[in-house]
Amino acid sequence: MASDKSYLDYIMDQLSGLEDITYRPMMGEYIIYYQGKIVGGIYDDRFLVKPTASACSMMPDAEKELPYPGAKEMLLVDRIDDRAFLESLLHAMYGELPAPKKRK
């Protein structure tokens, strides 16, 4: 099931206080980038983030879910209405995320 664009728009609005927050559509879903690094995405109208140490620490009870069959587990962000929390979550995660891969 593809994600609804209005859900993406809501999440992007919640993250609008961050500099350089972007997304890229991918097979009906959306990959979310923060300063060029992939932090997570919108999958089946769920905001999922990579399970970094800081994300796990900030959301110790977060459900681990698969974005799609065969993928690695990600953390479900359930506090999507808390703009300050979302911004602090992405700030905390940023240093733990791998640098973007160079395109050939």
PDB file of N, CA and C in Angstrom:
ATOM      1  N   MET A   1       0.839  -1.175   0.000  1.00  0.00           N
ATOM      2  CA  MET A   1       0.000   0.000   0.000  1.00  0.00           C
ATOM      3  C   MET A   1       0.887   1.242   0.000  1.00  0.00           C
ATOM      4  N   ALA A   2       0.629   2.151  -0.888  1.00  0.00           N
ATOM      5  CA  ALA A   2       1.401   3.387  -0.966  1.00  0.00           C
ATOM      6  C   ALA A   2       0.942   4.365   0.112  1.00  0.00           C
ATOM      7  N   SER A   3       1.879   5.202   0.537  1.00  0.00           N
ATOM      8  CA  SER A   3       1.556   6.216   1.545  1.00  0.00           C
ATOM      9  C   SER A   3       0.820   7.380   0.919  1.00  0.00           C
ATOM     10  N   ASP A   4      -0.026   7.990   1.713  1.00  0.00           N
ATOM     11  CA  ASP A   4      -0.799   9.141   1.270  1.00  0.00           C
ATOM     12  C   ASP A   4       0.076  10.395   1.312  1.00  0.00           C
ATOM     13  N   LYS A   5       0.035  11.194   0.271  1.00  0.00           N
ATOM     14  CA  LYS A   5       0.854  12.413   0.184  1.00  0.00           C
ATOM     15  C   LYS A   5       0.505  13.378   1.310  1.00  0.00           C
ATOM     16  N   SER A   6      -0.730  13.394   1.773  1.00  0.00           N
ATOM     17  CA  SER A   6      -1.108  14.307   2.856  1.00  0.00           C
ATOM     18  C   SER A   6      -0.399  13.940   4.167  1.00  0.00           C
ATOM     19  N   TYR A   7      -0.134  12.646   4.390  1.00  0.00           N
ATOM     20  CA  TYR A   7       0.611  12.227   5.583  1.00  0.00           C
ATOM     21  C   TYR A   7       2.047  12.729   5.480  1.00  0.00           C
ATOM     22  N   LEU A   8       2.651  12.563   4.318  1.00  0.00           N
ATOM     23  CA  LEU A   8       3.998  13.099   4.084  1.00  0.00           C
ATOM     24  C   LEU A   8       4.017  14.606   4.329  1.00  0.00           C
ATOM     25  N   ASP A   9       3.053  15.312   3.776  1.00  0.00           N
ATOM     26  CA  ASP A   9       2.996  16.769   3.942  1.00  0.00           C
ATOM     27  C   ASP A   9       2.921  17.149   5.419  1.00  0.00           C
ATOM     28  N   TYR A  10       2.156  16.402   6.203  1.00  0.00           N
ATOM     29  CA  TYR A  10       2.043  16.677   7.632  1.00  0.00           C
ATOM     30  C   TYR A  10       3.393  16.488   8.332  1.00  0.00           C
ATOM     31  N   ILE A  11       4.059  15.369   8.054  1.00  0.00           N
ATOM     32  CA  ILE A  11       5.358  15.099   8.676  1.00  0.00           C
ATOM     33  C   ILE A  11       6.373  16.162   8.259  1.00  0.00           C
ATOM     34  N   MET A  12       6.375  16.518   6.986  1.00  0.00           N
ATOM     35  CA  MET A  12       7.328  17.541   6.520  1.00  0.00           C
ATOM     36  C   MET A  12       7.033  18.890   7.172  1.00  0.00           C
ATOM     37  N   ASP A  13       5.779  19.203   7.409  1.00  0.00           N
ATOM     38  CA  ASP A  13       5.420  20.437   8.105  1.00  0.00           C
ATOM     39  C   ASP A  13       5.921  20.389   9.547  1.00  0.00           C
ATOM     40  N   GLN A  14       5.767  19.245  10.192  1.00  0.00           N
ATOM     41  CA  GLN A  14       6.238  19.087  11.569  1.00  0.00           C
ATOM     42  C   GLN A  14       7.762  19.250  11.652  1.00  0.00           C
ATOM     43  N   LEU A  15       8.469  18.886  10.592  1.00  0.00           N
ATOM     44  CA  LEU A  15       9.931  18.964  10.570  1.00  0.00           C
ATOM     45  C   LEU A  15      10.451  20.249   9.931  1.00  0.00           C
ATOM     46  N   SER A  16       9.556  21.163   9.598  1.00  0.00           N
ATOM     47  CA  SER A  16       9.939  22.364   8.843  1.00  0.00           C
ATOM     48  C   SER A  16      10.867  23.310   9.602  1.00  0.00           C
ATOM     49  N   GLY A  17      11.009  23.147  10.901  1.00  0.00           N
ATOM     50  CA  GLY A  17      11.930  23.969  11.670  1.00  0.00           C
ATOM     51  C   GLY A  17      13.382  23.564  11.507  1.00  0.00           C
ATOM     52  N   LEU A  18      13.617  22.416  10.885  1.00  0.00           N
ATOM     53  CA  LEU A  18      14.976  21.934  10.656  1.00  0.00           C
ATOM     54  C   LEU A  18      15.501  22.459   9.321  1.00  0.00           C
ATOM     55  N   GLU A  19      16.804  22.740   9.280  1.00  0.00           N
ATOM     56  CA  GLU A  19      17.417  23.155   8.025  1.00  0.00           C
ATOM     57  C   GLU A  19      17.699  21.925   7.175  1.00  0.00           C
ATOM     58  N   ASP A  20      17.477  22.060   5.893  1.00  0.00           N
ATOM     59  CA  ASP A  20      17.828  21.033   4.911  1.00  0.00           C
ATOM     60  C   ASP A  20      17.130  19.701   5.185  1.00  0.00           C
ATOM     61  N   ILE A  21      15.818  19.751   5.341  1.00  0.00           N
ATOM     62  CA  ILE A  21      15.018  18.527   5.466  1.00  0.00           C
ATOM     63  C   ILE A  21      14.321  18.313   4.124  1.00  0.00           C
ATOM     64  N   THR A  22      14.536  17.162   3.520  1.00  0.00           N
ATOM     65  CA  THR A  22      13.986  16.890   2.195  1.00  0.00           C
ATOM     66  C   THR A  22      13.440  15.465   2.155  1.00  0.00           C
ATOM     67  N   TYR A  23      12.786  15.144   1.060  1.00  0.00           N
ATOM     68  CA  TYR A  23      12.296  13.783   0.865  1.00  0.00           C
ATOM     69  C   TYR A  23      12.455  13.415  -0.604  1.00  0.00           C
ATOM     70  N   ARG A  24      12.362  12.125  -0.846  1.00  0.00           N
ATOM     71  CA  ARG A  24      12.432  11.615  -2.206  1.00  0.00           C
ATOM     72  C   ARG A  24      11.421  10.480  -2.331  1.00  0.00           C
ATOM     73  N   PRO A  25      10.536  10.575  -3.333  1.00  0.00           N
ATOM     74  CA  PRO A  25       9.589   9.473  -3.524  1.00  0.00           C
ATOM     75  C   PRO A  25      10.311   8.207  -3.997  1.00  0.00           C
ATOM     76  N   MET A  26       9.856   7.068  -3.495  1.00  0.00           N
ATOM     77  CA  MET A  26      10.441   5.799  -3.901  1.00  0.00           C
ATOM     78  C   MET A  26       9.381   4.716  -3.844  1.00  0.00           C
ATOM     79  N   MET A  27       8.909   4.275  -4.987  1.00  0.00           N
ATOM     80  CA  MET A  27       7.952   3.174  -5.116  1.00  0.00           C
ATOM     81  C   MET A  27       6.714   3.367  -4.241  1.00  0.00           C
ATOM     82  N   GLY A  28       6.134   4.549  -4.269  1.00  0.00           N
ATOM     83  CA  GLY A  28       4.914   4.814  -3.529  1.00  0.00           C
ATOM     84  C   GLY A  28       5.135   5.218  -2.083  1.00  0.00           C
ATOM     85  N   GLU A  29       6.378   5.205  -1.652  1.00  0.00           N
ATOM     86  CA  GLU A  29       6.727   5.608  -0.286  1.00  0.00           C
ATOM     87  C   GLU A  29       7.669   6.810  -0.379  1.00  0.00           C
ATOM     88  N   TYR A  30       8.187   7.284   0.758  1.00  0.00           N
ATOM     89  CA  TYR A  30       9.027   8.484   0.765  1.00  0.00           C
ATOM     90  C   TYR A  30      10.205   8.304   1.710  1.00  0.00           C
ATOM     91  N   ILE A  31      11.398   8.579   1.209  1.00  0.00           N
ATOM     92  CA  ILE A  31      12.613   8.546   2.010  1.00  0.00           C
ATOM     93  C   ILE A  31      12.833   9.960   2.550  1.00  0.00           C
ATOM     94  N   ILE A  32      13.108  10.096   3.848  1.00  0.00           N
ATOM     95  CA  ILE A  32      13.315  11.394   4.481  1.00  0.00           C
ATOM     96  C   ILE A  32      14.817  11.604   4.710  1.00  0.00           C
ATOM     97  N   TYR A  33      15.311  12.764   4.284  1.00  0.00           N
ATOM     98  CA  TYR A  33      16.716  13.129   4.431  1.00  0.00           C
ATOM     99  C   TYR A  33      16.844  14.335   5.350  1.00  0.00           C
ATOM    100  N   TYR A  34      17.858  14.298   6.204  1.00  0.00           N
ATOM    101  CA  TYR A  34      18.192  15.454   7.041  1.00  0.00           C
ATOM    102  C   TYR A  34      19.647  15.792   6.769  1.00  0.00           C
ATOM    103  N   GLN A  35      19.868  16.959   6.222  1.00  0.00           N
ATOM    104  CA  GLN A  35      21.198  17.417   5.830  1.00  0.00           C
ATOM    105  C   GLN A  35      21.921  16.369   4.988  1.00  0.00           C
ATOM    106  N   GLY A  36      21.188  15.795   4.058  1.00  0.00           N
ATOM    107  CA  GLY A  36      21.757  14.846   3.108  1.00  0.00           C
ATOM    108  C   GLY A  36      21.833  13.409   3.577  1.00  0.00           C
ATOM    109  N   LYS A  37      21.547  13.147   4.841  1.00  0.00           N
ATOM    110  CA  LYS A  37      21.608  11.783   5.372  1.00  0.00           C
ATOM    111  C   LYS A  37      20.198  11.214   5.511  1.00  0.00           C
ATOM    112  N   ILE A  38      20.054   9.933   5.203  1.00  0.00           N
ATOM    113  CA  ILE A  38      18.755   9.273   5.342  1.00  0.00           C
ATOM    114  C   ILE A  38      18.492   9.020   6.826  1.00  0.00           C
ATOM    115  N   VAL A  39      17.381   9.579   7.321  1.00  0.00           N
ATOM    116  CA  VAL A  39      16.998   9.348   8.726  1.00  0.00           C
ATOM    117  C   VAL A  39      15.897   8.305   8.839  1.00  0.00           C
ATOM    118  N   GLY A  40      15.125   8.152   7.788  1.00  0.00           N
ATOM    119  CA  GLY A  40      14.010   7.210   7.810  1.00  0.00           C
ATOM    120  C   GLY A  40      13.110   7.450   6.631  1.00  0.00           C
ATOM    121  N   GLY A  41      11.821   7.238   6.843  1.00  0.00           N
ATOM    122  CA  GLY A  41      10.898   7.434   5.742  1.00  0.00           C
ATOM    123  C   GLY A  41       9.454   7.254   6.161  1.00  0.00           C
ATOM    124  N   ILE A  42       8.608   7.469   5.185  1.00  0.00           N
ATOM    125  CA  ILE A  42       7.172   7.264   5.343  1.00  0.00           C
ATOM    126  C   ILE A  42       6.844   5.970   4.595  1.00  0.00           C
ATOM    127  N   TYR A  43       6.350   4.991   5.332  1.00  0.00           N
ATOM    128  CA  TYR A  43       6.012   3.681   4.777  1.00  0.00           C
ATOM    129  C   TYR A  43       4.616   3.311   5.261  1.00  0.00           C
ATOM    130  N   ASP A  44       3.708   3.097   4.336  1.00  0.00           N
ATOM    131  CA  ASP A  44       2.329   2.737   4.686  1.00  0.00           C
ATOM    132  C   ASP A  44       1.751   3.701   5.725  1.00  0.00           C
ATOM    133  N   ASP A  45       1.957   4.993   5.484  1.00  0.00           N
ATOM    134  CA  ASP A  45       1.475   6.049   6.377  1.00  0.00           C
ATOM    135  C   ASP A  45       1.970   5.881   7.817  1.00  0.00           C
ATOM    136  N   ARG A  46       3.232   5.479   7.940  1.00  0.00           N
ATOM    137  CA  ARG A  46       3.915   5.395   9.235  1.00  0.00           C
ATOM    138  C   ARG A  46       5.248   6.119   9.087  1.00  0.00           C
ATOM    139  N   PHE A  47       5.639   6.901  10.077  1.00  0.00           N
ATOM    140  CA  PHE A  47       6.935   7.550  10.074  1.00  0.00           C
ATOM    141  C   PHE A  47       7.899   6.639  10.818  1.00  0.00           C
ATOM    142  N   LEU A  48       8.829   6.044  10.094  1.00  0.00           N
ATOM    143  CA  LEU A  48       9.809   5.131  10.658  1.00  0.00           C
ATOM    144  C   LEU A  48      11.195   5.748  10.553  1.00  0.00           C
ATOM    145  N   VAL A  49      12.015   5.576  11.596  1.00  0.00           N
ATOM    146  CA  VAL A  49      13.381   6.080  11.578  1.00  0.00           C
ATOM    147  C   VAL A  49      14.355   4.943  11.825  1.00  0.00           C
ATOM    148  N   LYS A  50      15.612   5.187  11.427  1.00  0.00           N
ATOM    149  CA  LYS A  50      16.654   4.197  11.654  1.00  0.00           C
ATOM    150  C   LYS A  50      16.861   4.002  13.161  1.00  0.00           C
ATOM    151  N   PRO A  51      17.151   2.783  13.571  1.00  0.00           N
ATOM    152  CA  PRO A  51      17.295   2.497  15.008  1.00  0.00           C
ATOM    153  C   PRO A  51      18.693   2.841  15.541  1.00  0.00           C
ATOM    154  N   THR A  52      19.057   4.114  15.490  1.00  0.00           N
ATOM    155  CA  THR A  52      20.339   4.546  16.045  1.00  0.00           C
ATOM    156  C   THR A  52      20.273   4.473  17.569  1.00  0.00           C
ATOM    157  N   ALA A  53      21.431   4.546  18.215  1.00  0.00           N
ATOM    158  CA  ALA A  53      21.465   4.494  19.682  1.00  0.00           C
ATOM    159  C   ALA A  53      20.658   5.640  20.288  1.00  0.00           C
ATOM    160  N   SER A  54      20.781   6.828  19.712  1.00  0.00           N
ATOM    161  CA  SER A  54      20.055   7.974  20.267  1.00  0.00           C
ATOM    162  C   SER A  54      18.549   7.833  20.055  1.00  0.00           C
ATOM    163  N   ALA A  55      18.138   7.323  18.903  1.00  0.00           N
ATOM    164  CA  ALA A  55      16.707   7.121  18.648  1.00  0.00           C
ATOM    165  C   ALA A  55      16.147   6.083  19.618  1.00  0.00           C
ATOM    166  N   CYS A  56      16.888   5.013  19.835  1.00  0.00           N
ATOM    167  CA  CYS A  56      16.440   3.978  20.780  1.00  0.00           C
ATOM    168  C   CYS A  56      16.370   4.537  22.203  1.00  0.00           C
ATOM    169  N   SER A  57      17.310   5.412  22.546  1.00  0.00           N
ATOM    170  CA  SER A  57      17.325   6.021  23.870  1.00  0.00           C
ATOM    171  C   SER A  57      16.150   6.984  24.062  1.00  0.00           C
ATOM    172  N   MET A  58      15.848   7.756  23.026  1.00  0.00           N
ATOM    173  CA  MET A  58      14.764   8.737  23.120  1.00  0.00           C
ATOM    174  C   MET A  58      13.381   8.096  23.024  1.00  0.00           C
ATOM    175  N   MET A  59      13.323   6.907  22.414  1.00  0.00           N
ATOM    176  CA  MET A  59      12.043   6.200  22.261  1.00  0.00           C
ATOM    177  C   MET A  59      12.215   4.749  22.722  1.00  0.00           C
ATOM    178  N   PRO A  60      12.456   4.540  24.023  1.00  0.00           N
ATOM    179  CA  PRO A  60      12.756   3.187  24.495  1.00  0.00           C
ATOM    180  C   PRO A  60      11.624   2.184  24.297  1.00  0.00           C
ATOM    181  N   ASP A  61      10.402   2.658  24.200  1.00  0.00           N
ATOM    182  CA  ASP A  61       9.264   1.754  24.037  1.00  0.00           C
ATOM    183  C   ASP A  61       8.746   1.703  22.603  1.00  0.00           C
ATOM    184  N   ALA A  62       9.507   2.276  21.678  1.00  0.00           N
ATOM    185  CA  ALA A  62       9.056   2.328  20.285  1.00  0.00           C
ATOM    186  C   ALA A  62       8.951   0.919  19.702  1.00  0.00           C
ATOM    187  N   GLU A  63       7.917   0.733  18.915  1.00  0.00           N
ATOM    188  CA  GLU A  63       7.745  -0.543  18.227  1.00  0.00           C
ATOM    189  C   GLU A  63       8.730  -0.620  17.070  1.00  0.00           C
ATOM    190  N   LYS A  64       9.298  -1.812  16.878  1.00  0.00           N
ATOM    191  CA  LYS A  64      10.178  -2.047  15.732  1.00  0.00           C
ATOM    192  C   LYS A  64       9.319  -2.644  14.630  1.00  0.00           C
ATOM    193  N   GLU A  65       9.394  -2.014  13.468  1.00  0.00           N
ATOM    194  CA  GLU A  65       8.563  -2.461  12.355  1.00  0.00           C
ATOM    195  C   GLU A  65       9.375  -2.528  11.076  1.00  0.00           C
ATOM    196  N   LEU A  66       8.908  -3.345  10.158  1.00  0.00           N
ATOM    197  CA  LEU A  66       9.540  -3.454   8.848  1.00  0.00           C
ATOM    198  C   LEU A  66       8.902  -2.448   7.902  1.00  0.00           C
ATOM    199  N   PRO A  67       9.707  -1.638   7.224  1.00  0.00           N
ATOM    200  CA  PRO A  67       9.126  -0.705   6.271  1.00  0.00           C
ATOM    201  C   PRO A  67       8.507  -1.440   5.069  1.00  0.00           C
ATOM    202  N   TYR A  68       9.122  -2.558   4.692  1.00  0.00           N
ATOM    203  CA  TYR A  68       8.629  -3.400   3.596  1.00  0.00           C
ATOM    204  C   TYR A  68       9.252  -4.780   3.778  1.00  0.00           C
ATOM    205  N   PRO A  69       8.696  -5.810   3.163  1.00  0.00           N
ATOM    206  CA  PRO A  69       9.224  -7.168   3.344  1.00  0.00           C
ATOM    207  C   PRO A  69      10.704  -7.259   2.940  1.00  0.00           C
ATOM    208  N   GLY A  70      11.493  -7.885   3.791  1.00  0.00           N
ATOM    209  CA  GLY A  70      12.909  -8.085   3.518  1.00  0.00           C
ATOM    210  C   GLY A  70      13.805  -6.944   3.984  1.00  0.00           C
ATOM    211  N   ALA A  71      13.221  -5.879   4.515  1.00  0.00           N
ATOM    212  CA  ALA A  71      14.009  -4.724   4.979  1.00  0.00           C
ATOM    213  C   ALA A  71      14.433  -4.928   6.429  1.00  0.00           C
ATOM    214  N   LYS A  72      15.366  -4.083   6.867  1.00  0.00           N
ATOM    215  CA  LYS A  72      15.775  -4.090   8.269  1.00  0.00           C
ATOM    216  C   LYS A  72      14.705  -3.376   9.100  1.00  0.00           C
ATOM    217  N   GLU A  73      14.599  -3.774  10.357  1.00  0.00           N
ATOM    218  CA  GLU A  73      13.626  -3.142  11.248  1.00  0.00           C
ATOM    219  C   GLU A  73      13.968  -1.678  11.484  1.00  0.00           C
ATOM    220  N   MET A  74      12.930  -0.893  11.619  1.00  0.00           N
ATOM    221  CA  MET A  74      13.067   0.525  11.933  1.00  0.00           C
ATOM    222  C   MET A  74      12.159   0.821  13.123  1.00  0.00           C
ATOM    223  N   LEU A  75      12.330   2.008  13.695  1.00  0.00           N
ATOM    224  CA  LEU A  75      11.521   2.402  14.849  1.00  0.00           C
ATOM    225  C   LEU A  75      10.325   3.233  14.407  1.00  0.00           C
ATOM    226  N   LEU A  76       9.164   2.892  14.924  1.00  0.00           N
ATOM    227  CA  LEU A  76       7.944   3.643  14.645  1.00  0.00           C
ATOM    228  C   LEU A  76       7.910   4.882  15.536  1.00  0.00           C
ATOM    229  N   VAL A  77       7.809   6.046  14.920  1.00  0.00           N
ATOM    230  CA  VAL A  77       7.699   7.293  15.673  1.00  0.00           C
ATOM    231  C   VAL A  77       6.220   7.533  15.920  1.00  0.00           C
ATOM    232  N   ASP A  78       5.822   7.478  17.191  1.00  0.00           N
ATOM    233  CA  ASP A  78       4.404   7.660  17.499  1.00  0.00           C
ATOM    234  C   ASP A  78       4.085   9.058  18.025  1.00  0.00           C
ATOM    235  N   ARG A  79       5.104   9.866  18.258  1.00  0.00           N
ATOM    236  CA  ARG A  79       4.878  11.231  18.762  1.00  0.00           C
ATOM    237  C   ARG A  79       4.965  12.239  17.613  1.00  0.00           C
ATOM    238  N   ILE A  80       4.249  11.979  16.539  1.00  0.00           N
ATOM    239  CA  ILE A  80       4.351  12.843  15.359  1.00  0.00           C
ATOM    240  C   ILE A  80       3.715  14.213  15.561  1.00  0.00           C
ATOM    241  N   ASP A  81       2.909  14.372  16.590  1.00  0.00           N
ATOM    242  CA  ASP A  81       2.281  15.671  16.854  1.00  0.00           C
ATOM    243  C   ASP A  81       3.167  16.579  17.698  1.00  0.00           C
ATOM    244  N   ASP A  82       4.287  16.069  18.166  1.00  0.00           N
ATOM    245  CA  ASP A  82       5.201  16.824  19.021  1.00  0.00           C
ATOM    246  C   ASP A  82       6.385  17.323  18.179  1.00  0.00           C
ATOM    247  N   ARG A  83       6.238  18.514  17.622  1.00  0.00           N
ATOM    248  CA  ARG A  83       7.235  19.101  16.723  1.00  0.00           C
ATOM    249  C   ARG A  83       8.615  19.200  17.388  1.00  0.00           C
ATOM    250  N   ALA A  84       8.667  19.661  18.627  1.00  0.00           N
ATOM    251  CA  ALA A  84       9.947  19.818  19.334  1.00  0.00           C
ATOM    252  C   ALA A  84      10.636  18.465  19.509  1.00  0.00           C
ATOM    253  N   PHE A  85       9.854  17.428  19.840  1.00  0.00           N
ATOM    254  CA  PHE A  85      10.429  16.093  19.984  1.00  0.00           C
ATOM    255  C   PHE A  85      10.997  15.602  18.656  1.00  0.00           C
ATOM    256  N   LEU A  86      10.257  15.762  17.571  1.00  0.00           N
ATOM    257  CA  LEU A  86      10.721  15.305  16.262  1.00  0.00           C
ATOM    258  C   LEU A  86      12.022  15.996  15.867  1.00  0.00           C
ATOM    259  N   GLU A  87      12.098  17.303  16.097  1.00  0.00           N
ATOM    260  CA  GLU A  87      13.306  18.036  15.754  1.00  0.00           C
ATOM    261  C   GLU A  87      14.486  17.573  16.598  1.00  0.00           C
ATOM    262  N   SER A  88      14.276  17.378  17.897  1.00  0.00           N
ATOM    263  CA  SER A  88      15.372  16.926  18.750  1.00  0.00           C
ATOM    264  C   SER A  88      15.780  15.489  18.407  1.00  0.00           C
ATOM    265  N   LEU A  89      14.833  14.665  18.007  1.00  0.00           N
ATOM    266  CA  LEU A  89      15.138  13.299  17.592  1.00  0.00           C
ATOM    267  C   LEU A  89      16.068  13.294  16.390  1.00  0.00           C
ATOM    268  N   LEU A  90      15.740  14.053  15.363  1.00  0.00           N
ATOM    269  CA  LEU A  90      16.583  14.081  14.172  1.00  0.00           C
ATOM    270  C   LEU A  90      17.945  14.709  14.445  1.00  0.00           C
ATOM    271  N   HIS A  91      17.967  15.749  15.279  1.00  0.00           N
ATOM    272  CA  HIS A  91      19.258  16.346  15.679  1.00  0.00           C
ATOM    273  C   HIS A  91      20.133  15.291  16.356  1.00  0.00           C
ATOM    274  N   ALA A  92      19.561  14.543  17.283  1.00  0.00           N
ATOM    275  CA  ALA A  92      20.317  13.538  18.025  1.00  0.00           C
ATOM    276  C   ALA A  92      20.803  12.417  17.110  1.00  0.00           C
ATOM    277  N   MET A  93      19.997  12.026  16.161  1.00  0.00           N
ATOM    278  CA  MET A  93      20.343  10.925  15.262  1.00  0.00           C
ATOM    279  C   MET A  93      21.431  11.294  14.261  1.00  0.00           C
ATOM    280  N   TYR A  94      21.496  12.544  13.871  1.00  0.00           N
ATOM    281  CA  TYR A  94      22.326  12.974  12.743  1.00  0.00           C
ATOM    282  C   TYR A  94      23.774  12.491  12.828  1.00  0.00           C
ATOM    283  N   GLY A  95      24.431  12.664  13.957  1.00  0.00           N
ATOM    284  CA  GLY A  95      25.829  12.279  14.091  1.00  0.00           C
ATOM    285  C   GLY A  95      26.082  10.786  13.986  1.00  0.00           C
ATOM    286  N   GLU A  96      25.049   9.990  14.197  1.00  0.00           N
ATOM    287  CA  GLU A  96      25.192   8.534  14.151  1.00  0.00           C
ATOM    288  C   GLU A  96      24.880   7.940  12.779  1.00  0.00           C
ATOM    289  N   LEU A  97      24.399   8.771  11.890  1.00  0.00           N
ATOM    290  CA  LEU A  97      24.003   8.274  10.567  1.00  0.00           C
ATOM    291  C   LEU A  97      25.198   8.257   9.626  1.00  0.00           C
ATOM    292  N   PRO A  98      25.242   7.279   8.728  1.00  0.00           N
ATOM    293  CA  PRO A  98      26.363   7.226   7.772  1.00  0.00           C
ATOM    294  C   PRO A  98      26.293   8.362   6.774  1.00  0.00           C
ATOM    295  N   ALA A  99      27.454   8.757   6.285  1.00  0.00           N
ATOM    296  CA  ALA A  99      27.513   9.795   5.252  1.00  0.00           C
ATOM    297  C   ALA A  99      26.851   9.268   3.981  1.00  0.00           C
ATOM    298  N   PRO A 100      26.271  10.171   3.195  1.00  0.00           N
ATOM    299  CA  PRO A 100      25.645   9.722   1.949  1.00  0.00           C
ATOM    300  C   PRO A 100      26.668   9.059   1.027  1.00  0.00           C
ATOM    301  N   LYS A 101      26.210   8.056   0.314  1.00  0.00           N
ATOM    302  CA  LYS A 101      27.086   7.375  -0.646  1.00  0.00           C
ATOM    303  C   LYS A 101      27.251   8.257  -1.877  1.00  0.00           C
ATOM    304  N   LYS A 102      28.443   8.245  -2.424  1.00  0.00           N
ATOM    305  CA  LYS A 102      28.729   9.011  -3.645  1.00  0.00           C
ATOM    306  C   LYS A 102      28.050   8.332  -4.826  1.00  0.00           C
ATOM    307  N   ARG A 103      27.416   9.152  -5.650  1.00  0.00           N
ATOM    308  CA  ARG A 103      26.785   8.619  -6.859  1.00  0.00           C
ATOM    309  C   ARG A 103      27.849   8.396  -7.926  1.00  0.00           C
ATOM    310  N   LYS A 104      27.652   7.341  -8.690  1.00  0.00           N
ATOM    311  CA  LYS A 104      28.597   7.042  -9.759  1.00  0.00           C
ATOM    312  C   LYS A 104      28.319   7.867 -10.984  1.00  0.00           C
TER     313      LYS A 104
END
